[in-house]
Amino acid sequence: MPALILAGLLTRLATLPLIGMTLFIQIFVYPTSWPDHLVWIALLTLLLSRGPGSASFDALTTRLYGGRLASGPHAT
């Protein structure tokens, strides 16, 4: 999942398991290090809400295919 985020490919989808992992670590492994986990959750939430940005593979495929991938091959 971190490799997908660094590449900017399926960023929003890749942040969900990382948020889950961070919450699991916060609750069960290091319950006293909440400031560190709060930073991770904030950054991942930012990526989840805003996306990877204009310099990513997600933006490149959207520019190249114009959103046709999401709508399917037979959309008008």
N, C-alpha and C. Protein backbone atom coordinates (compact mmCIF):
# COMPACT_ATOMS: atom_id res chain seq x y z
N MET A 1 0.80 -1.19 0.00
CA MET A 1 0.00 0.00 0.00
C MET A 1 0.85 1.27 0.00
N PRO A 2 1.92 1.35 0.79
CA PRO A 2 2.73 2.57 0.72
C PRO A 2 3.32 2.80 -0.66
N ALA A 3 3.66 1.74 -1.39
CA ALA A 3 4.21 1.92 -2.73
C ALA A 3 3.16 2.51 -3.67
N LEU A 4 1.92 2.14 -3.51
CA LEU A 4 0.86 2.72 -4.34
C LEU A 4 0.68 4.20 -4.05
N ILE A 5 0.78 4.58 -2.79
CA ILE A 5 0.63 5.99 -2.45
C ILE A 5 1.80 6.79 -3.00
N LEU A 6 3.03 6.26 -2.86
CA LEU A 6 4.19 6.99 -3.38
C LEU A 6 4.13 7.14 -4.89
N ALA A 7 3.59 6.15 -5.56
CA ALA A 7 3.46 6.22 -7.02
C ALA A 7 2.28 7.08 -7.43
N GLY A 8 1.36 7.34 -6.50
CA GLY A 8 0.18 8.10 -6.87
C GLY A 8 -0.82 7.26 -7.65
N LEU A 9 -0.83 5.98 -7.42
CA LEU A 9 -1.72 5.07 -8.14
C LEU A 9 -2.72 4.50 -7.14
N LEU A 10 -3.99 4.74 -7.39
CA LEU A 10 -5.06 4.30 -6.48
C LEU A 10 -4.82 4.80 -5.06
N THR A 11 -4.47 6.05 -4.94
CA THR A 11 -4.06 6.62 -3.66
C THR A 11 -5.17 6.55 -2.62
N ARG A 12 -6.37 6.95 -3.03
CA ARG A 12 -7.47 6.97 -2.05
C ARG A 12 -7.78 5.57 -1.54
N LEU A 13 -7.73 4.60 -2.43
CA LEU A 13 -7.99 3.22 -2.02
C LEU A 13 -6.86 2.69 -1.13
N ALA A 14 -5.64 3.09 -1.40
CA ALA A 14 -4.49 2.59 -0.64
C ALA A 14 -4.40 3.20 0.75
N THR A 15 -5.03 4.35 0.99
CA THR A 15 -4.95 4.95 2.32
C THR A 15 -5.82 4.22 3.34
N LEU A 16 -6.87 3.56 2.90
CA LEU A 16 -7.77 2.91 3.85
C LEU A 16 -7.10 1.82 4.68
N PRO A 17 -6.34 0.88 4.07
CA PRO A 17 -5.65 -0.10 4.91
C PRO A 17 -4.60 0.52 5.83
N LEU A 18 -3.97 1.59 5.38
CA LEU A 18 -2.96 2.24 6.23
C LEU A 18 -3.60 2.93 7.43
N ILE A 19 -4.78 3.52 7.24
CA ILE A 19 -5.50 4.10 8.37
C ILE A 19 -5.89 2.99 9.35
N GLY A 20 -6.37 1.88 8.82
CA GLY A 20 -6.72 0.75 9.68
C GLY A 20 -5.53 0.21 10.44
N MET A 21 -4.39 0.11 9.78
CA MET A 21 -3.18 -0.37 10.43
C MET A 21 -2.74 0.60 11.53
N THR A 22 -2.83 1.89 11.26
CA THR A 22 -2.44 2.89 12.25
C THR A 22 -3.35 2.82 13.47
N LEU A 23 -4.65 2.66 13.24
CA LEU A 23 -5.57 2.54 14.36
C LEU A 23 -5.31 1.27 15.17
N PHE A 24 -5.03 0.17 14.50
CA PHE A 24 -4.72 -1.09 15.19
C PHE A 24 -3.48 -0.93 16.05
N ILE A 25 -2.44 -0.33 15.50
CA ILE A 25 -1.20 -0.13 16.26
C ILE A 25 -1.46 0.79 17.45
N GLN A 26 -2.25 1.83 17.24
CA GLN A 26 -2.55 2.75 18.33
C GLN A 26 -3.30 2.05 19.46
N ILE A 27 -4.26 1.23 19.12
CA ILE A 27 -5.09 0.61 20.14
C ILE A 27 -4.38 -0.55 20.83
N PHE A 28 -3.72 -1.43 20.07
CA PHE A 28 -3.23 -2.68 20.63
C PHE A 28 -1.71 -2.74 20.89
N VAL A 29 -0.92 -1.94 20.18
CA VAL A 29 0.53 -2.08 20.29
C VAL A 29 1.16 -0.95 21.11
N TYR A 30 0.94 0.29 20.68
CA TYR A 30 1.52 1.44 21.38
C TYR A 30 0.43 2.42 21.77
N PRO A 31 -0.35 2.12 22.77
CA PRO A 31 -1.47 3.01 23.13
C PRO A 31 -1.06 4.37 23.68
N THR A 32 0.18 4.52 24.10
CA THR A 32 0.61 5.81 24.66
C THR A 32 1.21 6.76 23.64
N SER A 33 1.45 6.30 22.44
CA SER A 33 2.08 7.19 21.44
C SER A 33 1.04 7.78 20.49
N TRP A 34 -0.02 8.31 21.06
CA TRP A 34 -1.08 8.88 20.24
C TRP A 34 -0.66 10.12 19.45
N PRO A 35 0.31 10.95 19.89
CA PRO A 35 0.69 12.08 19.03
C PRO A 35 1.27 11.64 17.68
N ASP A 36 2.07 10.60 17.69
CA ASP A 36 2.63 10.11 16.42
C ASP A 36 1.54 9.57 15.51
N HIS A 37 0.63 8.82 16.10
CA HIS A 37 -0.43 8.22 15.29
C HIS A 37 -1.42 9.27 14.80
N LEU A 38 -1.60 10.33 15.58
CA LEU A 38 -2.48 11.41 15.16
C LEU A 38 -1.93 12.11 13.91
N VAL A 39 -0.62 12.26 13.86
CA VAL A 39 0.01 12.86 12.66
C VAL A 39 -0.21 11.97 11.44
N TRP A 40 -0.01 10.65 11.61
CA TRP A 40 -0.21 9.73 10.49
C TRP A 40 -1.66 9.74 10.02
N ILE A 41 -2.58 9.71 10.96
CA ILE A 41 -4.00 9.71 10.59
C ILE A 41 -4.36 11.02 9.88
N ALA A 42 -3.83 12.14 10.33
CA ALA A 42 -4.12 13.43 9.69
C ALA A 42 -3.60 13.46 8.26
N LEU A 43 -2.38 12.99 8.06
CA LEU A 43 -1.82 12.99 6.70
C LEU A 43 -2.55 12.02 5.77
N LEU A 44 -2.90 10.86 6.29
CA LEU A 44 -3.63 9.90 5.46
C LEU A 44 -5.04 10.39 5.16
N THR A 45 -5.66 11.08 6.11
CA THR A 45 -6.99 11.64 5.86
C THR A 45 -6.92 12.74 4.81
N LEU A 46 -5.86 13.50 4.82
CA LEU A 46 -5.67 14.52 3.79
C LEU A 46 -5.56 13.88 2.40
N LEU A 47 -4.79 12.81 2.29
CA LEU A 47 -4.69 12.10 1.02
C LEU A 47 -6.02 11.47 0.62
N LEU A 48 -6.75 10.96 1.59
CA LEU A 48 -8.04 10.34 1.31
C LEU A 48 -9.05 11.36 0.81
N SER A 49 -9.03 12.55 1.38
CA SER A 49 -10.03 13.55 1.00
C SER A 49 -9.65 14.33 -0.26
N ARG A 50 -8.38 14.62 -0.45
CA ARG A 50 -7.98 15.47 -1.58
C ARG A 50 -7.36 14.71 -2.74
N GLY A 51 -6.92 13.50 -2.52
CA GLY A 51 -6.30 12.73 -3.59
C GLY A 51 -4.82 13.01 -3.69
N PRO A 52 -4.16 12.40 -4.66
CA PRO A 52 -2.70 12.47 -4.74
C PRO A 52 -2.16 13.76 -5.35
N GLY A 53 -2.95 14.51 -6.08
CA GLY A 53 -2.47 15.73 -6.69
C GLY A 53 -2.26 15.59 -8.18
N SER A 54 -1.75 16.62 -8.79
CA SER A 54 -1.63 16.65 -10.26
C SER A 54 -0.41 15.90 -10.78
N ALA A 55 0.58 15.64 -9.92
CA ALA A 55 1.78 14.92 -10.36
C ALA A 55 1.70 13.46 -9.89
N SER A 56 0.70 12.73 -10.40
CA SER A 56 0.51 11.34 -9.99
C SER A 56 0.03 10.53 -11.19
N PHE A 57 0.10 9.22 -11.04
CA PHE A 57 -0.39 8.35 -12.11
C PHE A 57 -1.90 8.43 -12.23
N ASP A 58 -2.60 8.66 -11.13
CA ASP A 58 -4.04 8.83 -11.18
C ASP A 58 -4.42 10.02 -12.05
N ALA A 59 -3.74 11.15 -11.85
CA ALA A 59 -4.03 12.34 -12.65
C ALA A 59 -3.63 12.14 -14.11
N LEU A 60 -2.52 11.43 -14.33
CA LEU A 60 -2.07 11.18 -15.69
C LEU A 60 -3.08 10.33 -16.46
N THR A 61 -3.57 9.27 -15.85
CA THR A 61 -4.55 8.42 -16.54
C THR A 61 -5.86 9.16 -16.76
N THR A 62 -6.23 10.03 -15.85
CA THR A 62 -7.44 10.83 -16.05
C THR A 62 -7.26 11.79 -17.22
N ARG A 63 -6.07 12.38 -17.33
CA ARG A 63 -5.82 13.29 -18.46
C ARG A 63 -5.78 12.53 -19.78
N LEU A 64 -5.15 11.36 -19.78
CA LEU A 64 -5.02 10.60 -21.02
C LEU A 64 -6.34 10.01 -21.50
N TYR A 65 -7.10 9.46 -20.57
CA TYR A 65 -8.33 8.78 -20.96
C TYR A 65 -9.58 9.60 -20.71
N GLY A 66 -9.45 10.74 -20.09
CA GLY A 66 -10.57 11.66 -19.90
C GLY A 66 -11.72 11.09 -19.09
N GLY A 67 -11.45 10.22 -18.14
CA GLY A 67 -12.50 9.66 -17.31
C GLY A 67 -13.25 8.53 -17.97
N ARG A 68 -12.83 8.08 -19.15
CA ARG A 68 -13.52 7.00 -19.84
C ARG A 68 -13.35 5.65 -19.13
N LEU A 69 -12.29 5.51 -18.34
CA LEU A 69 -12.09 4.24 -17.63
C LEU A 69 -13.16 4.02 -16.57
N ALA A 70 -13.56 5.07 -15.91
CA ALA A 70 -14.55 4.93 -14.85
C ALA A 70 -15.95 4.67 -15.40
N SER A 71 -16.24 5.20 -16.58
CA SER A 71 -17.58 5.06 -17.11
C SER A 71 -17.77 3.80 -17.95
N GLY A 72 -16.68 3.14 -18.31
CA GLY A 72 -16.80 1.90 -19.07
C GLY A 72 -16.65 2.14 -20.56
N PRO A 73 -16.47 1.06 -21.34
CA PRO A 73 -16.18 1.21 -22.75
C PRO A 73 -17.40 1.59 -23.59
N HIS A 74 -18.61 1.34 -23.11
CA HIS A 74 -19.79 1.60 -23.92
C HIS A 74 -20.54 2.85 -23.51
N ALA A 75 -19.95 3.68 -22.68
CA ALA A 75 -20.62 4.90 -22.24
C ALA A 75 -20.58 5.93 -23.36
N THR A 76 -21.59 6.74 -23.40
CA THR A 76 -21.65 7.79 -24.43
C THR A 76 -21.40 9.14 -23.86
